[in-house]
Amino acid sequence: MSATSSQDAGGGRPLEGRRVVVTRTRDQASELAAMLGRLGAEVVELPVLRISKEISKEALADVMLEFGSYDWLVFTSANGVHHFFAEFNRIFDDIRSLGLIRVAVVGESTAKAVRELHLRIECQPRTATAEALAEALRATGSLDNVKVLVVTGNLNREVLVQRLEEGHAIVDCLQVYKTEPVDLAASPVAAEFRERGADAVLFASSSSAQSFADQGAALALRPGATRPLAGSIGPQTSATMKALKMRVDFEAAQPGMDELVEALVRRLSGRAQ
């Protein structure tokens, strides 16, 4: 059941009167905020991370010189898609320069970013984790001497590369962006959060949970503020939250924005306003 069907099934707007904090970056938060707004929520955008392009000219040159030799192009985030193709389109003037390379992705938001470029996705696991993507790629056939280019950020987990190399693939990584924490000490949104709290805070990545925990002083609730429930997009984020001694009050049934919103609606439906 999607977030839209949750609204239809509820006969109204099930998040009416609820304050929900979105911790994604401003560029990433718009779709999630729109979904929550349609369900009646008061959305509080509190980005705890900043994402910007960071790419080595030398590494980019090496990859592009050998680009025709790669069998798979792998994306683990929509940010990777956007920043990679910004560089690719700067260097080449025709998308057909991709040649016969096959595209693999993890996560529906990543897949959407690829489909917007009118590119075919040939491998996308049902579960949006690095482990599942590695297994899905291995299931496509022998990876012996298959060349794979993994487009990454500075905080990407190494498990994907490790699993592919265990299958005897030849893996290169190209970092195209970096993720950094945002200092919330002087943020007026953070100040309002301290005073009022919220009904829920949503975490869509391990890095957002880490940054939220690291800024405890800037986000410490005042007496009388509503203590929010904490929602996780999936097992990896939940594991990080638990390691940080954060509560996990609800978790998406499958990693994805629709599923996270559905879990939020279910959890808040049993909590008095």
C-alpha atoms as a PDB file:
ATOM      1  CA  MET A   1       0.000   0.000   0.000  1.00  0.00           C
ATOM      2  CA  SER A   2       1.464   3.331  -1.092  1.00  0.00           C
ATOM      3  CA  ALA A   3       1.282   6.610   0.784  1.00  0.00           C
ATOM      4  CA  THR A   4      -1.494   7.659  -1.598  1.00  0.00           C
ATOM      5  CA  SER A   5      -3.530   4.542  -0.899  1.00  0.00           C
ATOM      6  CA  SER A   6      -2.968   5.124   2.835  1.00  0.00           C
ATOM      7  CA  GLN A   7      -4.706   8.451   2.376  1.00  0.00           C
ATOM      8  CA  ASP A   8      -7.554   6.897   0.417  1.00  0.00           C
ATOM      9  CA  ALA A   9      -7.995   4.056   2.909  1.00  0.00           C
ATOM     10  CA  GLY A  10      -8.084   6.467   5.809  1.00  0.00           C
ATOM     11  CA  GLY A  11     -10.894   8.494   4.284  1.00  0.00           C
ATOM     12  CA  GLY A  12      -8.981  11.717   4.865  1.00  0.00           C
ATOM     13  CA  ARG A  13      -5.532  12.947   5.767  1.00  0.00           C
ATOM     14  CA  PRO A  14      -4.137  10.580   8.410  1.00  0.00           C
ATOM     15  CA  LEU A  15      -1.274  12.904   9.413  1.00  0.00           C
ATOM     16  CA  GLU A  16      -3.475  15.965   9.941  1.00  0.00           C
ATOM     17  CA  GLY A  17      -2.139  17.976  12.894  1.00  0.00           C
ATOM     18  CA  ARG A  18       1.103  15.982  13.146  1.00  0.00           C
ATOM     19  CA  ARG A  19       4.557  17.570  13.101  1.00  0.00           C
ATOM     20  CA  VAL A  20       7.064  15.415  11.246  1.00  0.00           C
ATOM     21  CA  VAL A  21      10.772  16.207  11.019  1.00  0.00           C
ATOM     22  CA  VAL A  22      12.591  15.344   7.796  1.00  0.00           C
ATOM     23  CA  THR A  23      16.365  15.092   8.224  1.00  0.00           C
ATOM     24  CA  ARG A  24      17.300  14.724   4.538  1.00  0.00           C
ATOM     25  CA  THR A  25      19.256  17.380   2.648  1.00  0.00           C
ATOM     26  CA  ARG A  26      17.154  20.172   1.151  1.00  0.00           C
ATOM     27  CA  ASP A  27      17.621  18.814  -2.391  1.00  0.00           C
ATOM     28  CA  GLN A  28      16.506  15.349  -1.325  1.00  0.00           C
ATOM     29  CA  ALA A  29      13.695  16.333   1.031  1.00  0.00           C
ATOM     30  CA  SER A  30      11.225  17.792  -1.477  1.00  0.00           C
ATOM     31  CA  GLU A  31       9.601  14.517  -2.563  1.00  0.00           C
ATOM     32  CA  LEU A  32       9.290  13.174   0.979  1.00  0.00           C
ATOM     33  CA  ALA A  33       7.998  16.525   2.262  1.00  0.00           C
ATOM     34  CA  ALA A  34       5.392  16.606  -0.514  1.00  0.00           C
ATOM     35  CA  MET A  35       4.204  13.095   0.369  1.00  0.00           C
ATOM     36  CA  LEU A  36       3.855  14.020   4.027  1.00  0.00           C
ATOM     37  CA  GLY A  37       2.133  17.298   3.193  1.00  0.00           C
ATOM     38  CA  ARG A  38      -0.473  15.521   1.077  1.00  0.00           C
ATOM     39  CA  LEU A  39      -1.267  13.369   4.120  1.00  0.00           C
ATOM     40  CA  GLY A  40      -1.812  16.481   6.235  1.00  0.00           C
ATOM     41  CA  ALA A  41       1.478  16.650   8.144  1.00  0.00           C
ATOM     42  CA  GLU A  42       3.197  19.837   9.206  1.00  0.00           C
ATOM     43  CA  VAL A  43       6.635  19.132   7.736  1.00  0.00           C
ATOM     44  CA  VAL A  44       9.701  20.432   9.544  1.00  0.00           C
ATOM     45  CA  GLU A  45      12.728  20.367   7.231  1.00  0.00           C
ATOM     46  CA  LEU A  46      15.811  19.962   9.392  1.00  0.00           C
ATOM     47  CA  PRO A  47      18.641  18.843   7.097  1.00  0.00           C
ATOM     48  CA  VAL A  48      21.473  17.412   9.163  1.00  0.00           C
ATOM     49  CA  LEU A  49      23.698  16.739   6.142  1.00  0.00           C
ATOM     50  CA  ARG A  50      25.077  18.704   3.219  1.00  0.00           C
ATOM     51  CA  ILE A  51      25.912  17.006  -0.088  1.00  0.00           C
ATOM     52  CA  SER A  52      28.202  18.563  -2.665  1.00  0.00           C
ATOM     53  CA  LYS A  53      30.219  17.490  -5.678  1.00  0.00           C
ATOM     54  CA  GLU A  54      33.680  16.147  -4.928  1.00  0.00           C
ATOM     55  CA  ILE A  55      35.531  14.359  -7.674  1.00  0.00           C
ATOM     56  CA  SER A  56      39.197  13.879  -8.478  1.00  0.00           C
ATOM     57  CA  LYS A  57      40.039  15.098 -11.976  1.00  0.00           C
ATOM     58  CA  GLU A  58      42.712  12.425 -12.213  1.00  0.00           C
ATOM     59  CA  ALA A  59      40.357   9.620 -11.188  1.00  0.00           C
ATOM     60  CA  LEU A  60      37.673  10.898 -13.564  1.00  0.00           C
ATOM     61  CA  ALA A  61      40.148  11.028 -16.440  1.00  0.00           C
ATOM     62  CA  ASP A  62      41.332   7.477 -15.735  1.00  0.00           C
ATOM     63  CA  VAL A  63      37.762   6.158 -15.683  1.00  0.00           C
ATOM     64  CA  MET A  64      36.676   7.965 -18.830  1.00  0.00           C
ATOM     65  CA  LEU A  65      39.740   6.805 -20.772  1.00  0.00           C
ATOM     66  CA  GLU A  66      38.803   3.200 -19.961  1.00  0.00           C
ATOM     67  CA  PHE A  67      35.043   3.646 -19.962  1.00  0.00           C
ATOM     68  CA  GLY A  68      34.434   1.398 -22.958  1.00  0.00           C
ATOM     69  CA  SER A  69      35.935  -1.561 -21.110  1.00  0.00           C
ATOM     70  CA  TYR A  70      33.407  -1.597 -18.251  1.00  0.00           C
ATOM     71  CA  ASP A  71      30.599  -4.160 -18.242  1.00  0.00           C
ATOM     72  CA  TRP A  72      28.515  -2.687 -15.407  1.00  0.00           C
ATOM     73  CA  LEU A  73      27.876   0.848 -14.167  1.00  0.00           C
ATOM     74  CA  VAL A  74      26.587   0.708 -10.582  1.00  0.00           C
ATOM     75  CA  PHE A  75      24.791   3.480  -8.679  1.00  0.00           C
ATOM     76  CA  THR A  76      23.938   3.313  -4.991  1.00  0.00           C
ATOM     77  CA  SER A  77      22.269   6.734  -4.688  1.00  0.00           C
ATOM     78  CA  ALA A  78      20.459   9.356  -6.719  1.00  0.00           C
ATOM     79  CA  ASN A  79      23.230  11.801  -5.799  1.00  0.00           C
ATOM     80  CA  GLY A  80      25.712   9.534  -7.550  1.00  0.00           C
ATOM     81  CA  VAL A  81      23.531   9.484 -10.669  1.00  0.00           C
ATOM     82  CA  HIS A  82      23.194  13.270 -10.797  1.00  0.00           C
ATOM     83  CA  HIS A  83      26.853  14.084 -10.216  1.00  0.00           C
ATOM     84  CA  PHE A  84      28.190  11.323 -12.477  1.00  0.00           C
ATOM     85  CA  PHE A  85      26.073  12.315 -15.450  1.00  0.00           C
ATOM     86  CA  ALA A  86      26.826  15.998 -14.944  1.00  0.00           C
ATOM     87  CA  GLU A  87      30.471  15.083 -15.583  1.00  0.00           C
ATOM     88  CA  PHE A  88      29.700  12.513 -18.274  1.00  0.00           C
ATOM     89  CA  ASN A  89      27.616  15.005 -20.262  1.00  0.00           C
ATOM     90  CA  ARG A  90      30.342  17.614 -19.890  1.00  0.00           C
ATOM     91  CA  ILE A  91      32.908  15.254 -21.411  1.00  0.00           C
ATOM     92  CA  PHE A  92      30.728  13.548 -24.027  1.00  0.00           C
ATOM     93  CA  ASP A  93      28.085  15.182 -26.178  1.00  0.00           C
ATOM     94  CA  ASP A  94      25.983  12.064 -26.783  1.00  0.00           C
ATOM     95  CA  ILE A  95      24.405   9.686 -24.241  1.00  0.00           C
ATOM     96  CA  ARG A  96      25.161   6.904 -26.725  1.00  0.00           C
ATOM     97  CA  SER A  97      28.773   7.240 -25.608  1.00  0.00           C
ATOM     98  CA  LEU A  98      27.726   4.941 -22.760  1.00  0.00           C
ATOM     99  CA  GLY A  99      28.000   2.132 -25.296  1.00  0.00           C
ATOM    100  CA  LEU A 100      26.871  -1.342 -24.213  1.00  0.00           C
ATOM    101  CA  ILE A 101      27.489  -0.871 -20.502  1.00  0.00           C
ATOM    102  CA  ARG A 102      24.747  -2.300 -18.260  1.00  0.00           C
ATOM    103  CA  VAL A 103      23.281  -0.253 -15.407  1.00  0.00           C
ATOM    104  CA  ALA A 104      22.608  -1.552 -11.886  1.00  0.00           C
ATOM    105  CA  VAL A 105      21.062   0.386  -9.020  1.00  0.00           C
ATOM    106  CA  VAL A 106      19.997   0.002  -5.408  1.00  0.00           C
ATOM    107  CA  GLY A 107      16.876   1.786  -4.172  1.00  0.00           C
ATOM    108  CA  GLU A 108      13.849   3.204  -5.929  1.00  0.00           C
ATOM    109  CA  SER A 109      15.001   6.839  -5.701  1.00  0.00           C
ATOM    110  CA  THR A 110      18.219   5.854  -7.476  1.00  0.00           C
ATOM    111  CA  ALA A 111      16.248   3.939 -10.089  1.00  0.00           C
ATOM    112  CA  LYS A 112      13.984   6.938 -10.667  1.00  0.00           C
ATOM    113  CA  ALA A 113      17.001   9.197 -11.265  1.00  0.00           C
ATOM    114  CA  VAL A 114      18.319   6.744 -13.869  1.00  0.00           C
ATOM    115  CA  ARG A 115      14.942   6.308 -15.578  1.00  0.00           C
ATOM    116  CA  GLU A 116      14.621  10.091 -15.888  1.00  0.00           C
ATOM    117  CA  LEU A 117      17.634   9.884 -18.183  1.00  0.00           C
ATOM    118  CA  HIS A 118      15.757   7.328 -20.319  1.00  0.00           C
ATOM    119  CA  LEU A 119      18.263   4.624 -19.468  1.00  0.00           C
ATOM    120  CA  ARG A 120      17.401   0.974 -18.964  1.00  0.00           C
ATOM    121  CA  ILE A 121      18.120  -0.598 -15.587  1.00  0.00           C
ATOM    122  CA  GLU A 122      19.241  -4.200 -15.933  1.00  0.00           C
ATOM    123  CA  CYS A 123      19.749  -5.046 -12.271  1.00  0.00           C
ATOM    124  CA  GLN A 124      17.806  -3.754  -9.252  1.00  0.00           C
ATOM    125  CA  PRO A 125      17.315  -5.937  -6.179  1.00  0.00           C
ATOM    126  CA  ARG A 126      13.964  -5.983  -4.413  1.00  0.00           C
ATOM    127  CA  THR A 127      15.691  -5.116  -1.135  1.00  0.00           C
ATOM    128  CA  ALA A 128      17.521  -1.780  -1.228  1.00  0.00           C
ATOM    129  CA  THR A 129      20.807  -2.767   0.407  1.00  0.00           C
ATOM    130  CA  ALA A 130      24.383  -3.073  -0.804  1.00  0.00           C
ATOM    131  CA  GLU A 131      24.377  -6.760   0.107  1.00  0.00           C
ATOM    132  CA  ALA A 132      21.274  -7.418  -1.983  1.00  0.00           C
ATOM    133  CA  LEU A 133      22.706  -5.520  -4.945  1.00  0.00           C
ATOM    134  CA  ALA A 134      25.915  -7.558  -4.820  1.00  0.00           C
ATOM    135  CA  GLU A 135      23.924 -10.790  -4.753  1.00  0.00           C
ATOM    136  CA  ALA A 136      21.701  -9.623  -7.620  1.00  0.00           C
ATOM    137  CA  LEU A 137      24.748  -8.801  -9.740  1.00  0.00           C
ATOM    138  CA  ARG A 138      26.305 -12.159  -8.958  1.00  0.00           C
ATOM    139  CA  ALA A 139      23.047 -13.820  -9.958  1.00  0.00           C
ATOM    140  CA  THR A 140      23.279 -12.319 -13.473  1.00  0.00           C
ATOM    141  CA  GLY A 141      26.113 -14.730 -14.268  1.00  0.00           C
ATOM    142  CA  SER A 142      29.771 -15.325 -13.576  1.00  0.00           C
ATOM    143  CA  LEU A 143      31.610 -12.168 -12.509  1.00  0.00           C
ATOM    144  CA  ASP A 144      35.039 -13.611 -13.342  1.00  0.00           C
ATOM    145  CA  ASN A 145      37.021 -10.728 -14.872  1.00  0.00           C
ATOM    146  CA  VAL A 146      33.858  -8.656 -15.324  1.00  0.00           C
ATOM    147  CA  LYS A 147      34.721  -4.964 -15.004  1.00  0.00           C
ATOM    148  CA  VAL A 148      32.441  -2.966 -12.718  1.00  0.00           C
ATOM    149  CA  LEU A 149      32.444   0.775 -12.091  1.00  0.00           C
ATOM    150  CA  VAL A 150      30.811   1.689  -8.778  1.00  0.00           C
ATOM    151  CA  VAL A 151      29.878   5.378  -8.465  1.00  0.00           C
ATOM    152  CA  THR A 152      30.123   6.408  -4.826  1.00  0.00           C
ATOM    153  CA  GLY A 153      30.149   9.154  -2.226  1.00  0.00           C
ATOM    154  CA  ASN A 154      32.662   9.557   0.572  1.00  0.00           C
ATOM    155  CA  LEU A 155      30.522   7.629   3.084  1.00  0.00           C
ATOM    156  CA  ASN A 156      29.527   4.633   0.966  1.00  0.00           C
ATOM    157  CA  ARG A 157      29.890   1.250   2.616  1.00  0.00           C
ATOM    158  CA  GLU A 158      32.663  -1.001   1.331  1.00  0.00           C
ATOM    159  CA  VAL A 159      30.576  -4.173   1.517  1.00  0.00           C
ATOM    160  CA  LEU A 160      29.367  -3.886  -2.098  1.00  0.00           C
ATOM    161  CA  VAL A 161      32.890  -3.762  -3.484  1.00  0.00           C
ATOM    162  CA  GLN A 162      34.011  -6.559  -1.169  1.00  0.00           C
ATOM    163  CA  ARG A 163      31.177  -8.858  -2.239  1.00  0.00           C
ATOM    164  CA  LEU A 164      31.788  -8.180  -5.938  1.00  0.00           C
ATOM    165  CA  GLU A 165      35.500  -8.827  -5.587  1.00  0.00           C
ATOM    166  CA  GLU A 166      34.713 -12.077  -3.786  1.00  0.00           C
ATOM    167  CA  GLY A 167      32.910 -13.023  -7.008  1.00  0.00           C
ATOM    168  CA  HIS A 168      36.161 -12.243  -8.877  1.00  0.00           C
ATOM    169  CA  ALA A 169      34.890  -9.064 -10.518  1.00  0.00           C
ATOM    170  CA  ILE A 170      37.347  -6.275 -11.302  1.00  0.00           C
ATOM    171  CA  VAL A 171      35.925  -3.293  -9.429  1.00  0.00           C
ATOM    172  CA  ASP A 172      36.815   0.381  -9.752  1.00  0.00           C
ATOM    173  CA  CYS A 173      35.216   3.087  -7.608  1.00  0.00           C
ATOM    174  CA  LEU A 174      34.637   6.678  -8.634  1.00  0.00           C
ATOM    175  CA  GLN A 175      33.700   9.115  -5.873  1.00  0.00           C
ATOM    176  CA  VAL A 176      31.630  11.969  -7.264  1.00  0.00           C
ATOM    177  CA  TYR A 177      30.172  13.629  -4.143  1.00  0.00           C
ATOM    178  CA  LYS A 178      30.758  14.103  -0.450  1.00  0.00           C
ATOM    179  CA  THR A 179      28.402  14.144   2.509  1.00  0.00           C
ATOM    180  CA  GLU A 180      29.136  16.459   5.444  1.00  0.00           C
ATOM    181  CA  PRO A 181      27.272  17.258   8.673  1.00  0.00           C
ATOM    182  CA  VAL A 182      25.458  20.576   8.970  1.00  0.00           C
ATOM    183  CA  ASP A 183      26.110  22.639  12.104  1.00  0.00           C
ATOM    184  CA  LEU A 184      22.676  23.247  13.613  1.00  0.00           C
ATOM    185  CA  ALA A 185      23.790  25.348  16.589  1.00  0.00           C
ATOM    186  CA  ALA A 186      22.510  28.588  15.064  1.00  0.00           C
ATOM    187  CA  SER A 187      19.638  27.111  13.038  1.00  0.00           C
ATOM    188  CA  PRO A 188      16.228  28.722  13.755  1.00  0.00           C
ATOM    189  CA  VAL A 189      14.539  25.470  12.721  1.00  0.00           C
ATOM    190  CA  ALA A 190      16.594  23.565  15.286  1.00  0.00           C
ATOM    191  CA  ALA A 191      15.692  26.184  17.908  1.00  0.00           C
ATOM    192  CA  GLU A 192      11.987  25.696  17.170  1.00  0.00           C
ATOM    193  CA  PHE A 193      12.459  21.925  17.379  1.00  0.00           C
ATOM    194  CA  ARG A 194      14.045  22.284  20.812  1.00  0.00           C
ATOM    195  CA  GLU A 195      11.057  24.315  22.012  1.00  0.00           C
ATOM    196  CA  ARG A 196       8.194  22.398  20.413  1.00  0.00           C
ATOM    197  CA  GLY A 197       9.514  18.960  19.549  1.00  0.00           C
ATOM    198  CA  ALA A 198       7.563  16.903  17.017  1.00  0.00           C
ATOM    199  CA  ASP A 199       5.451  13.793  16.631  1.00  0.00           C
ATOM    200  CA  ALA A 200       8.115  11.959  14.625  1.00  0.00           C
ATOM    201  CA  VAL A 201      11.599  12.273  13.148  1.00  0.00           C
ATOM    202  CA  LEU A 202      12.408  10.325   9.974  1.00  0.00           C
ATOM    203  CA  PHE A 203      15.861   8.935   9.180  1.00  0.00           C
ATOM    204  CA  ALA A 204      16.527   7.833   5.619  1.00  0.00           C
ATOM    205  CA  SER A 205      20.205   6.917   6.015  1.00  0.00           C
ATOM    206  CA  SER A 206      22.785   5.883   8.572  1.00  0.00           C
ATOM    207  CA  SER A 207      24.694   9.115   7.972  1.00  0.00           C
ATOM    208  CA  SER A 208      21.657  11.243   8.866  1.00  0.00           C
ATOM    209  CA  ALA A 209      21.185   9.291  12.097  1.00  0.00           C
ATOM    210  CA  GLN A 210      24.861   9.734  12.938  1.00  0.00           C
ATOM    211  CA  SER A 211      24.770  13.470  12.300  1.00  0.00           C
ATOM    212  CA  PHE A 212      21.557  13.871  14.339  1.00  0.00           C
ATOM    213  CA  ALA A 213      23.136  12.020  17.273  1.00  0.00           C
ATOM    214  CA  ASP A 214      26.370  14.008  17.005  1.00  0.00           C
ATOM    215  CA  GLN A 215      24.450  17.267  17.410  1.00  0.00           C
ATOM    216  CA  GLY A 216      22.645  16.328  20.589  1.00  0.00           C
ATOM    217  CA  ALA A 217      23.197  19.702  22.250  1.00  0.00           C
ATOM    218  CA  ALA A 218      21.699  21.623  19.332  1.00  0.00           C
ATOM    219  CA  LEU A 219      18.653  19.318  19.286  1.00  0.00           C
ATOM    220  CA  ALA A 220      18.056  18.735  23.022  1.00  0.00           C
ATOM    221  CA  LEU A 221      14.355  19.182  23.770  1.00  0.00           C
ATOM    222  CA  ARG A 222      13.166  21.724  26.317  1.00  0.00           C
ATOM    223  CA  PRO A 223      10.795  20.677  29.117  1.00  0.00           C
ATOM    224  CA  GLY A 224       7.280  20.390  27.755  1.00  0.00           C
ATOM    225  CA  ALA A 225       8.351  19.762  24.163  1.00  0.00           C
ATOM    226  CA  THR A 226       6.741  16.802  22.394  1.00  0.00           C
ATOM    227  CA  ARG A 227       9.197  13.909  22.345  1.00  0.00           C
ATOM    228  CA  PRO A 228       9.142  12.483  18.819  1.00  0.00           C
ATOM    229  CA  LEU A 229       9.018   8.906  17.697  1.00  0.00           C
ATOM    230  CA  ALA A 230      12.013   7.902  15.599  1.00  0.00           C
ATOM    231  CA  GLY A 231      11.458   6.203  12.245  1.00  0.00           C
ATOM    232  CA  SER A 232      14.008   4.312  10.144  1.00  0.00           C
ATOM    233  CA  ILE A 233      13.981   3.580   6.431  1.00  0.00           C
ATOM    234  CA  GLY A 234      15.426   0.106   6.855  1.00  0.00           C
ATOM    235  CA  PRO A 235      17.638  -2.419   8.676  1.00  0.00           C
ATOM    236  CA  GLN A 236      20.951  -0.712   7.953  1.00  0.00           C
ATOM    237  CA  THR A 237      19.758   2.647   9.300  1.00  0.00           C
ATOM    238  CA  SER A 238      18.100   0.933  12.264  1.00  0.00           C
ATOM    239  CA  ALA A 239      21.344  -0.858  13.138  1.00  0.00           C
ATOM    240  CA  THR A 240      23.185   2.465  13.132  1.00  0.00           C
ATOM    241  CA  MET A 241      20.524   4.084  15.298  1.00  0.00           C
ATOM    242  CA  LYS A 242      20.676   1.268  17.835  1.00  0.00           C
ATOM    243  CA  ALA A 243      24.467   1.437  17.911  1.00  0.00           C
ATOM    244  CA  LEU A 244      24.122   5.154  18.708  1.00  0.00           C
ATOM    245  CA  LYS A 245      21.678   4.334  21.563  1.00  0.00           C
ATOM    246  CA  MET A 246      18.822   5.921  19.617  1.00  0.00           C
ATOM    247  CA  ARG A 247      15.309   4.472  19.758  1.00  0.00           C
ATOM    248  CA  VAL A 248      13.808   2.883  16.664  1.00  0.00           C
ATOM    249  CA  ASP A 249      10.061   3.269  17.132  1.00  0.00           C
ATOM    250  CA  PHE A 250       9.118   2.120  13.639  1.00  0.00           C
ATOM    251  CA  GLU A 251      10.862   0.866  10.501  1.00  0.00           C
ATOM    252  CA  ALA A 252       9.812   0.686   6.857  1.00  0.00           C
ATOM    253  CA  ALA A 253       8.739  -2.806   5.771  1.00  0.00           C
ATOM    254  CA  GLN A 254      11.112  -2.422   2.804  1.00  0.00           C
ATOM    255  CA  PRO A 255      13.676   0.362   2.343  1.00  0.00           C
ATOM    256  CA  GLY A 256      11.883   3.129   0.465  1.00  0.00           C
ATOM    257  CA  MET A 257      10.171   6.484   0.971  1.00  0.00           C
ATOM    258  CA  ASP A 258       6.642   5.176   0.398  1.00  0.00           C
ATOM    259  CA  GLU A 259       7.245   2.372   2.876  1.00  0.00           C
ATOM    260  CA  LEU A 260       8.703   4.772   5.454  1.00  0.00           C
ATOM    261  CA  VAL A 261       5.646   7.023   5.226  1.00  0.00           C
ATOM    262  CA  GLU A 262       3.340   4.001   5.489  1.00  0.00           C
ATOM    263  CA  ALA A 263       5.147   2.878   8.652  1.00  0.00           C
ATOM    264  CA  LEU A 264       4.823   6.414  10.056  1.00  0.00           C
ATOM    265  CA  VAL A 265       1.078   6.499   9.404  1.00  0.00           C
ATOM    266  CA  ARG A 266       0.587   3.101  11.033  1.00  0.00           C
ATOM    267  CA  ARG A 267       2.642   4.047  14.090  1.00  0.00           C
ATOM    268  CA  LEU A 268       1.026   7.434  14.650  1.00  0.00           C
ATOM    269  CA  SER A 269      -2.465   6.054  14.176  1.00  0.00           C
ATOM    270  CA  GLY A 270      -2.153   4.504  17.632  1.00  0.00           C
ATOM    271  CA  ARG A 271      -0.638   7.536  19.314  1.00  0.00           C
ATOM    272  CA  ALA A 272      -2.869  10.257  20.756  1.00  0.00           C
ATOM    273  CA  GLN A 273      -2.249  13.820  19.655  1.00  0.00           C
END
